[in-house]
Amino acid sequence: MNQTIAVFKRELEAYFITPVAYVFIVIFLILNGLCTFYLGDFYERGQADLEPFFELHPWLYMLLIPAVSMRLWSEERRSGTIELLLTLPMSTTSAVIGKFLAAWAFCSVALMGTIPIWLSVNYLGEPDNTVIAAGYIGSLLMAGGFLSVGACISATTNNQVVAFTISFVVCFAFNLSGFPVVLDLFSSWTPQAVLEVISSFSFLSHFESIKKGVIDIRDIIFFGSLMTFWLYLNVVVVELKKGK
């Protein structure tokens, strides 16, 4: 546990000693404001809620989260510091979890920066704050899912651009997996059970019920299992690439 905490502190501090973190947070906050009050037709809808705010989160994360995760391992590999990190008296699992938790904490800070939007909605009307709180929980879980994918892919290369691109494509696939356009590609030659499995991997479908205020244990298990699976793959990839 102490090893994980040490890596967590190191990585979290690394985010805030460069201007990249602040640029990311500013862009994230601006895009959320635009998506909520303008692209989401907040005023035209005449409803005091954050439906437009959460509606676009899967697409914002698909673009922005890979930018956070791409440096987690690829930068260590490019600069050669990964050898130093892995020779320290700690397990690979501790390093992987510490890095992931630091990135997740950073994304949490960015998400908490949107609380003034929540306060604005309360000023303008009387929203169901329980539903909004559930939406924040779902958004944080989804961010963790995207991050676990990006962290694993970052461990496969020393090129941050490559890590970003592959992570974006994989996250895009997770978002689209429940769409008819994707399911139609498989419907002609796969059984219905397989189609349901493909559809069940959609981040959108699992986030949809949570942002409506329904926190289903199945959705929590999905995101938890997803993060566990990709972090396990992350450990395997780092172990395989030791000394390369």
C-alpha atoms as a PDB file:
ATOM      1  CA  MET A   1       0.000   0.000   0.000  1.00  0.00           C
ATOM      2  CA  ASN A   2       2.826   2.423   0.870  1.00  0.00           C
ATOM      3  CA  GLN A   3       4.416   1.726  -2.514  1.00  0.00           C
ATOM      4  CA  THR A   4       1.168   2.539  -4.322  1.00  0.00           C
ATOM      5  CA  ILE A   5       0.772   5.762  -2.338  1.00  0.00           C
ATOM      6  CA  ALA A   6       4.338   6.802  -3.164  1.00  0.00           C
ATOM      7  CA  VAL A   7       3.737   6.323  -6.904  1.00  0.00           C
ATOM      8  CA  PHE A   8       0.367   8.070  -6.596  1.00  0.00           C
ATOM      9  CA  LYS A   9       1.947  11.168  -5.017  1.00  0.00           C
ATOM     10  CA  ARG A  10       4.777  11.221  -7.550  1.00  0.00           C
ATOM     11  CA  GLU A  11       2.432  11.027 -10.525  1.00  0.00           C
ATOM     12  CA  LEU A  12      -0.128  13.493  -9.194  1.00  0.00           C
ATOM     13  CA  GLU A  13       2.575  16.068  -8.513  1.00  0.00           C
ATOM     14  CA  ALA A  14       3.931  15.493 -12.025  1.00  0.00           C
ATOM     15  CA  TYR A  15       0.614  16.589 -13.515  1.00  0.00           C
ATOM     16  CA  PHE A  16       0.618  19.941 -11.773  1.00  0.00           C
ATOM     17  CA  ILE A  17       4.247  20.944 -12.336  1.00  0.00           C
ATOM     18  CA  THR A  18       3.595  21.314 -16.055  1.00  0.00           C
ATOM     19  CA  PRO A  19       1.176  23.696 -17.798  1.00  0.00           C
ATOM     20  CA  VAL A  20      -0.418  20.751 -19.611  1.00  0.00           C
ATOM     21  CA  ALA A  21      -2.595  19.958 -16.579  1.00  0.00           C
ATOM     22  CA  TYR A  22      -3.960  23.464 -16.350  1.00  0.00           C
ATOM     23  CA  VAL A  23      -4.567  23.644 -20.095  1.00  0.00           C
ATOM     24  CA  PHE A  24      -6.489  20.372 -19.902  1.00  0.00           C
ATOM     25  CA  ILE A  25      -8.636  21.561 -16.999  1.00  0.00           C
ATOM     26  CA  VAL A  26      -9.424  24.895 -18.689  1.00  0.00           C
ATOM     27  CA  ILE A  27     -10.368  23.183 -21.957  1.00  0.00           C
ATOM     28  CA  PHE A  28     -12.475  20.631 -20.074  1.00  0.00           C
ATOM     29  CA  LEU A  29     -14.354  23.337 -18.159  1.00  0.00           C
ATOM     30  CA  ILE A  30     -14.918  25.500 -21.246  1.00  0.00           C
ATOM     31  CA  LEU A  31     -16.212  22.574 -23.294  1.00  0.00           C
ATOM     32  CA  ASN A  32     -18.539  21.515 -20.477  1.00  0.00           C
ATOM     33  CA  GLY A  33     -19.932  25.031 -20.202  1.00  0.00           C
ATOM     34  CA  LEU A  34     -20.456  25.295 -23.964  1.00  0.00           C
ATOM     35  CA  CYS A  35     -22.016  21.852 -24.192  1.00  0.00           C
ATOM     36  CA  THR A  36     -24.366  22.534 -21.295  1.00  0.00           C
ATOM     37  CA  PHE A  37     -25.616  26.042 -21.965  1.00  0.00           C
ATOM     38  CA  TYR A  38     -25.259  26.369 -25.735  1.00  0.00           C
ATOM     39  CA  LEU A  39     -24.913  23.087 -27.618  1.00  0.00           C
ATOM     40  CA  GLY A  40     -27.250  21.421 -25.124  1.00  0.00           C
ATOM     41  CA  ASP A  41     -29.939  24.120 -25.585  1.00  0.00           C
ATOM     42  CA  PHE A  42     -30.170  24.536 -21.822  1.00  0.00           C
ATOM     43  CA  TYR A  43     -32.290  27.705 -21.901  1.00  0.00           C
ATOM     44  CA  GLU A  44     -34.514  26.571 -24.767  1.00  0.00           C
ATOM     45  CA  ARG A  45     -35.379  23.331 -22.948  1.00  0.00           C
ATOM     46  CA  GLY A  46     -36.847  25.237 -20.022  1.00  0.00           C
ATOM     47  CA  GLN A  47     -35.784  22.556 -17.526  1.00  0.00           C
ATOM     48  CA  ALA A  48     -33.518  22.975 -14.514  1.00  0.00           C
ATOM     49  CA  ASP A  49     -31.356  19.872 -14.830  1.00  0.00           C
ATOM     50  CA  LEU A  50     -27.957  18.806 -16.080  1.00  0.00           C
ATOM     51  CA  GLU A  51     -29.108  16.397 -18.767  1.00  0.00           C
ATOM     52  CA  PRO A  52     -27.192  18.266 -21.534  1.00  0.00           C
ATOM     53  CA  PHE A  53     -24.131  18.402 -19.275  1.00  0.00           C
ATOM     54  CA  PHE A  54     -23.932  14.637 -18.781  1.00  0.00           C
ATOM     55  CA  GLU A  55     -25.198  13.765 -22.268  1.00  0.00           C
ATOM     56  CA  LEU A  56     -21.923  14.809 -23.872  1.00  0.00           C
ATOM     57  CA  HIS A  57     -19.520  13.488 -21.230  1.00  0.00           C
ATOM     58  CA  PRO A  58     -18.866  10.150 -22.974  1.00  0.00           C
ATOM     59  CA  TRP A  59     -17.767  12.032 -26.100  1.00  0.00           C
ATOM     60  CA  LEU A  60     -15.658  14.578 -24.208  1.00  0.00           C
ATOM     61  CA  TYR A  61     -13.925  11.811 -22.272  1.00  0.00           C
ATOM     62  CA  MET A  62     -13.338   9.850 -25.472  1.00  0.00           C
ATOM     63  CA  LEU A  63     -11.292  12.785 -26.747  1.00  0.00           C
ATOM     64  CA  LEU A  64      -9.750  14.217 -23.575  1.00  0.00           C
ATOM     65  CA  ILE A  65      -8.993  11.179 -21.398  1.00  0.00           C
ATOM     66  CA  PRO A  66      -6.509   9.681 -23.907  1.00  0.00           C
ATOM     67  CA  ALA A  67      -4.630  12.988 -23.680  1.00  0.00           C
ATOM     68  CA  VAL A  68      -4.259  12.398 -19.929  1.00  0.00           C
ATOM     69  CA  SER A  69      -3.373   8.713 -20.120  1.00  0.00           C
ATOM     70  CA  MET A  70      -1.005   8.790 -23.107  1.00  0.00           C
ATOM     71  CA  ARG A  71       1.982   9.925 -21.019  1.00  0.00           C
ATOM     72  CA  LEU A  72       1.525   7.522 -18.101  1.00  0.00           C
ATOM     73  CA  TRP A  73       3.891   4.842 -19.420  1.00  0.00           C
ATOM     74  CA  SER A  74       4.995   5.996 -22.883  1.00  0.00           C
ATOM     75  CA  GLU A  75       6.857   8.991 -21.438  1.00  0.00           C
ATOM     76  CA  GLU A  76       8.577   6.758 -18.870  1.00  0.00           C
ATOM     77  CA  ARG A  77       9.616   4.419 -21.679  1.00  0.00           C
ATOM     78  CA  ARG A  78      10.779   7.234 -23.984  1.00  0.00           C
ATOM     79  CA  SER A  79      12.862   8.965 -21.323  1.00  0.00           C
ATOM     80  CA  GLY A  80      14.251   5.714 -19.926  1.00  0.00           C
ATOM     81  CA  THR A  81      12.992   6.363 -16.384  1.00  0.00           C
ATOM     82  CA  ILE A  82      10.839   3.229 -16.508  1.00  0.00           C
ATOM     83  CA  GLU A  83      13.937   1.110 -15.788  1.00  0.00           C
ATOM     84  CA  LEU A  84      14.595   3.152 -12.645  1.00  0.00           C
ATOM     85  CA  LEU A  85      10.953   2.923 -11.577  1.00  0.00           C
ATOM     86  CA  LEU A  86      10.801  -0.844 -12.015  1.00  0.00           C
ATOM     87  CA  THR A  87      14.069  -1.449 -10.169  1.00  0.00           C
ATOM     88  CA  LEU A  88      12.725   0.212  -7.034  1.00  0.00           C
ATOM     89  CA  PRO A  89      11.557  -2.118  -4.241  1.00  0.00           C
ATOM     90  CA  MET A  90       7.950  -2.225  -5.382  1.00  0.00           C
ATOM     91  CA  SER A  91       5.786  -4.547  -7.414  1.00  0.00           C
ATOM     92  CA  THR A  92       4.648  -3.766 -10.945  1.00  0.00           C
ATOM     93  CA  THR A  93       1.066  -3.947  -9.691  1.00  0.00           C
ATOM     94  CA  SER A  94       1.737  -1.166  -7.172  1.00  0.00           C
ATOM     95  CA  ALA A  95       3.239   1.032  -9.892  1.00  0.00           C
ATOM     96  CA  VAL A  96       0.318   0.418 -12.257  1.00  0.00           C
ATOM     97  CA  ILE A  97      -2.331   1.093  -9.620  1.00  0.00           C
ATOM     98  CA  GLY A  98      -0.513   4.172  -8.307  1.00  0.00           C
ATOM     99  CA  LYS A  99      -0.244   5.702 -11.767  1.00  0.00           C
ATOM    100  CA  PHE A 100      -3.873   4.930 -12.556  1.00  0.00           C
ATOM    101  CA  LEU A 101      -5.192   6.381  -9.286  1.00  0.00           C
ATOM    102  CA  ALA A 102      -3.156   9.565  -9.801  1.00  0.00           C
ATOM    103  CA  ALA A 103      -4.622  10.047 -13.292  1.00  0.00           C
ATOM    104  CA  TRP A 104      -8.110   9.304 -11.956  1.00  0.00           C
ATOM    105  CA  ALA A 105      -7.633  11.799  -9.125  1.00  0.00           C
ATOM    106  CA  PHE A 106      -6.523  14.411 -11.649  1.00  0.00           C
ATOM    107  CA  CYS A 107      -9.662  13.803 -13.726  1.00  0.00           C
ATOM    108  CA  SER A 108     -11.710  14.039 -10.520  1.00  0.00           C
ATOM    109  CA  VAL A 109     -10.231  17.483  -9.852  1.00  0.00           C
ATOM    110  CA  ALA A 110     -11.231  18.552 -13.370  1.00  0.00           C
ATOM    111  CA  LEU A 111     -14.743  17.157 -12.876  1.00  0.00           C
ATOM    112  CA  MET A 112     -15.127  18.887  -9.512  1.00  0.00           C
ATOM    113  CA  GLY A 113     -14.272  22.121 -11.293  1.00  0.00           C
ATOM    114  CA  THR A 114     -17.684  21.892 -12.972  1.00  0.00           C
ATOM    115  CA  ILE A 115     -19.545  22.220  -9.659  1.00  0.00           C
ATOM    116  CA  PRO A 116     -20.275  25.932 -10.385  1.00  0.00           C
ATOM    117  CA  ILE A 117     -22.432  24.679 -13.282  1.00  0.00           C
ATOM    118  CA  TRP A 118     -24.376  22.581 -10.769  1.00  0.00           C
ATOM    119  CA  LEU A 119     -24.741  25.610  -8.495  1.00  0.00           C
ATOM    120  CA  SER A 120     -25.900  27.730 -11.443  1.00  0.00           C
ATOM    121  CA  VAL A 121     -28.667  25.260 -12.211  1.00  0.00           C
ATOM    122  CA  ASN A 122     -29.805  25.417  -8.580  1.00  0.00           C
ATOM    123  CA  TYR A 123     -29.833  29.200  -8.797  1.00  0.00           C
ATOM    124  CA  LEU A 124     -31.940  29.123 -11.965  1.00  0.00           C
ATOM    125  CA  GLY A 125     -34.405  26.493 -10.804  1.00  0.00           C
ATOM    126  CA  GLU A 126     -35.060  23.537  -8.512  1.00  0.00           C
ATOM    127  CA  PRO A 127     -33.315  20.491 -10.005  1.00  0.00           C
ATOM    128  CA  ASP A 128     -33.301  16.992  -8.537  1.00  0.00           C
ATOM    129  CA  ASN A 129     -29.888  17.109  -6.890  1.00  0.00           C
ATOM    130  CA  THR A 130     -29.953  13.384  -6.145  1.00  0.00           C
ATOM    131  CA  VAL A 131     -30.086  12.674  -9.878  1.00  0.00           C
ATOM    132  CA  ILE A 132     -27.263  15.136 -10.517  1.00  0.00           C
ATOM    133  CA  ALA A 133     -25.114  13.555  -7.791  1.00  0.00           C
ATOM    134  CA  ALA A 134     -25.713  10.140  -9.369  1.00  0.00           C
ATOM    135  CA  GLY A 135     -24.655  11.607 -12.712  1.00  0.00           C
ATOM    136  CA  TYR A 136     -21.375  12.783 -11.197  1.00  0.00           C
ATOM    137  CA  ILE A 137     -20.741   9.309  -9.766  1.00  0.00           C
ATOM    138  CA  GLY A 138     -21.446   7.727 -13.145  1.00  0.00           C
ATOM    139  CA  SER A 139     -19.245  10.248 -14.908  1.00  0.00           C
ATOM    140  CA  LEU A 140     -16.367   9.505 -12.546  1.00  0.00           C
ATOM    141  CA  LEU A 141     -16.764   5.756 -13.051  1.00  0.00           C
ATOM    142  CA  MET A 142     -16.802   6.222 -16.810  1.00  0.00           C
ATOM    143  CA  ALA A 143     -13.675   8.381 -16.645  1.00  0.00           C
ATOM    144  CA  GLY A 144     -11.979   5.560 -14.735  1.00  0.00           C
ATOM    145  CA  GLY A 145     -12.994   3.114 -17.455  1.00  0.00           C
ATOM    146  CA  PHE A 146     -11.528   5.283 -20.197  1.00  0.00           C
ATOM    147  CA  LEU A 147      -8.373   5.843 -18.147  1.00  0.00           C
ATOM    148  CA  SER A 148      -7.761   2.146 -17.561  1.00  0.00           C
ATOM    149  CA  VAL A 149      -7.916   1.559 -21.320  1.00  0.00           C
ATOM    150  CA  GLY A 150      -5.590   4.479 -22.057  1.00  0.00           C
ATOM    151  CA  ALA A 151      -3.088   3.504 -19.358  1.00  0.00           C
ATOM    152  CA  CYS A 152      -2.782  -0.023 -20.721  1.00  0.00           C
ATOM    153  CA  ILE A 153      -2.280   1.179 -24.287  1.00  0.00           C
ATOM    154  CA  SER A 154       0.274   3.751 -23.116  1.00  0.00           C
ATOM    155  CA  ALA A 155       2.354   0.869 -21.721  1.00  0.00           C
ATOM    156  CA  THR A 156       2.652  -0.698 -25.181  1.00  0.00           C
ATOM    157  CA  THR A 157       4.550   2.163 -26.836  1.00  0.00           C
ATOM    158  CA  ASN A 158       7.062   4.934 -26.192  1.00  0.00           C
ATOM    159  CA  ASN A 159       5.241   7.291 -28.551  1.00  0.00           C
ATOM    160  CA  GLN A 160       2.600   9.454 -26.906  1.00  0.00           C
ATOM    161  CA  VAL A 161       0.900  10.285 -30.215  1.00  0.00           C
ATOM    162  CA  VAL A 162       0.507   6.600 -31.013  1.00  0.00           C
ATOM    163  CA  ALA A 163      -0.818   5.954 -27.488  1.00  0.00           C
ATOM    164  CA  PHE A 164      -3.333   8.789 -27.859  1.00  0.00           C
ATOM    165  CA  THR A 165      -4.535   7.635 -31.274  1.00  0.00           C
ATOM    166  CA  ILE A 166      -5.012   3.976 -30.338  1.00  0.00           C
ATOM    167  CA  SER A 167      -6.687   4.908 -27.035  1.00  0.00           C
ATOM    168  CA  PHE A 168      -9.063   7.239 -28.874  1.00  0.00           C
ATOM    169  CA  VAL A 169     -10.020   4.507 -31.350  1.00  0.00           C
ATOM    170  CA  VAL A 170     -10.607   1.898 -28.621  1.00  0.00           C
ATOM    171  CA  CYS A 171     -12.651   4.333 -26.496  1.00  0.00           C
ATOM    172  CA  PHE A 172     -14.640   5.306 -29.585  1.00  0.00           C
ATOM    173  CA  ALA A 173     -15.384   1.612 -30.161  1.00  0.00           C
ATOM    174  CA  PHE A 174     -16.623   1.248 -26.571  1.00  0.00           C
ATOM    175  CA  ASN A 175     -18.941   4.222 -27.052  1.00  0.00           C
ATOM    176  CA  LEU A 176     -20.341   2.938 -30.333  1.00  0.00           C
ATOM    177  CA  SER A 177     -20.645  -0.760 -29.455  1.00  0.00           C
ATOM    178  CA  GLY A 178     -24.331  -0.441 -28.601  1.00  0.00           C
ATOM    179  CA  PHE A 179     -25.283   1.589 -31.687  1.00  0.00           C
ATOM    180  CA  PRO A 180     -27.403  -0.049 -34.428  1.00  0.00           C
ATOM    181  CA  VAL A 181     -24.781   0.832 -37.054  1.00  0.00           C
ATOM    182  CA  VAL A 182     -22.293  -1.409 -35.219  1.00  0.00           C
ATOM    183  CA  LEU A 183     -24.716  -4.182 -34.309  1.00  0.00           C
ATOM    184  CA  ASP A 184     -25.907  -4.373 -37.922  1.00  0.00           C
ATOM    185  CA  LEU A 185     -22.391  -5.405 -38.953  1.00  0.00           C
ATOM    186  CA  PHE A 186     -22.731  -8.548 -36.841  1.00  0.00           C
ATOM    187  CA  SER A 187     -26.476  -9.227 -36.979  1.00  0.00           C
ATOM    188  CA  SER A 188     -26.370 -11.184 -40.258  1.00  0.00           C
ATOM    189  CA  TRP A 189     -23.867 -13.796 -39.096  1.00  0.00           C
ATOM    190  CA  THR A 190     -23.878 -13.865 -35.293  1.00  0.00           C
ATOM    191  CA  PRO A 191     -26.540 -15.124 -32.858  1.00  0.00           C
ATOM    192  CA  GLN A 192     -28.584 -12.745 -30.745  1.00  0.00           C
ATOM    193  CA  ALA A 193     -26.666 -13.685 -27.603  1.00  0.00           C
ATOM    194  CA  VAL A 194     -23.421 -12.416 -29.155  1.00  0.00           C
ATOM    195  CA  LEU A 195     -25.109  -9.166 -30.202  1.00  0.00           C
ATOM    196  CA  GLU A 196     -26.266  -8.636 -26.636  1.00  0.00           C
ATOM    197  CA  VAL A 197     -22.723  -9.176 -25.368  1.00  0.00           C
ATOM    198  CA  ILE A 198     -21.351  -6.636 -27.856  1.00  0.00           C
ATOM    199  CA  SER A 199     -24.060  -4.161 -26.906  1.00  0.00           C
ATOM    200  CA  SER A 200     -23.344  -4.666 -23.198  1.00  0.00           C
ATOM    201  CA  PHE A 201     -19.848  -3.202 -23.637  1.00  0.00           C
ATOM    202  CA  SER A 202     -21.250   0.203 -24.559  1.00  0.00           C
ATOM    203  CA  PHE A 203     -20.224   2.889 -22.073  1.00  0.00           C
ATOM    204  CA  LEU A 204     -23.237   4.897 -23.170  1.00  0.00           C
ATOM    205  CA  SER A 205     -25.824   2.308 -22.137  1.00  0.00           C
ATOM    206  CA  HIS A 206     -24.297   1.812 -18.682  1.00  0.00           C
ATOM    207  CA  PHE A 207     -23.896   5.536 -18.106  1.00  0.00           C
ATOM    208  CA  GLU A 208     -27.410   6.272 -19.365  1.00  0.00           C
ATOM    209  CA  SER A 209     -29.217   4.739 -16.408  1.00  0.00           C
ATOM    210  CA  ILE A 210     -26.815   6.188 -13.830  1.00  0.00           C
ATOM    211  CA  LYS A 211     -27.194   9.754 -15.111  1.00  0.00           C
ATOM    212  CA  LYS A 212     -30.949   9.358 -14.741  1.00  0.00           C
ATOM    213  CA  GLY A 213     -30.457   8.686 -11.040  1.00  0.00           C
ATOM    214  CA  VAL A 214     -30.649   4.892 -11.132  1.00  0.00           C
ATOM    215  CA  ILE A 215     -27.454   3.442  -9.700  1.00  0.00           C
ATOM    216  CA  ASP A 216     -27.720  -0.202 -10.729  1.00  0.00           C
ATOM    217  CA  ILE A 217     -25.199  -2.583  -9.196  1.00  0.00           C
ATOM    218  CA  ARG A 218     -24.736  -4.126 -12.653  1.00  0.00           C
ATOM    219  CA  ASP A 219     -23.432  -0.844 -14.025  1.00  0.00           C
ATOM    220  CA  ILE A 220     -21.016  -0.465 -11.122  1.00  0.00           C
ATOM    221  CA  ILE A 221     -19.826  -4.046 -11.638  1.00  0.00           C
ATOM    222  CA  PHE A 222     -19.343  -3.346 -15.341  1.00  0.00           C
ATOM    223  CA  PHE A 223     -17.085  -0.337 -14.809  1.00  0.00           C
ATOM    224  CA  GLY A 224     -15.285  -2.012 -11.898  1.00  0.00           C
ATOM    225  CA  SER A 225     -14.655  -5.172 -13.916  1.00  0.00           C
ATOM    226  CA  LEU A 226     -13.560  -3.146 -16.931  1.00  0.00           C
ATOM    227  CA  MET A 227     -10.996  -1.219 -14.895  1.00  0.00           C
ATOM    228  CA  THR A 228      -9.737  -4.399 -13.227  1.00  0.00           C
ATOM    229  CA  PHE A 229      -9.340  -6.178 -16.587  1.00  0.00           C
ATOM    230  CA  TRP A 230      -7.434  -3.357 -18.297  1.00  0.00           C
ATOM    231  CA  LEU A 231      -5.225  -2.714 -15.264  1.00  0.00           C
ATOM    232  CA  TYR A 232      -4.390  -6.422 -15.186  1.00  0.00           C
ATOM    233  CA  LEU A 233      -3.456  -6.202 -18.868  1.00  0.00           C
ATOM    234  CA  ASN A 234      -1.395  -3.123 -18.003  1.00  0.00           C
ATOM    235  CA  VAL A 235       0.597  -5.125 -15.463  1.00  0.00           C
ATOM    236  CA  VAL A 236       1.106  -7.952 -17.983  1.00  0.00           C
ATOM    237  CA  VAL A 237       2.302  -5.545 -20.697  1.00  0.00           C
ATOM    238  CA  VAL A 238       4.767  -3.792 -18.370  1.00  0.00           C
ATOM    239  CA  GLU A 239       6.131  -7.153 -17.186  1.00  0.00           C
ATOM    240  CA  LEU A 240       6.550  -8.386 -20.764  1.00  0.00           C
ATOM    241  CA  LYS A 241       8.375  -5.234 -21.812  1.00  0.00           C
ATOM    242  CA  LYS A 242      10.818  -5.218 -18.905  1.00  0.00           C
ATOM    243  CA  GLY A 243      14.331  -4.821 -20.228  1.00  0.00           C
ATOM    244  CA  LYS A 244      13.216  -4.102 -23.794  1.00  0.00           C
END
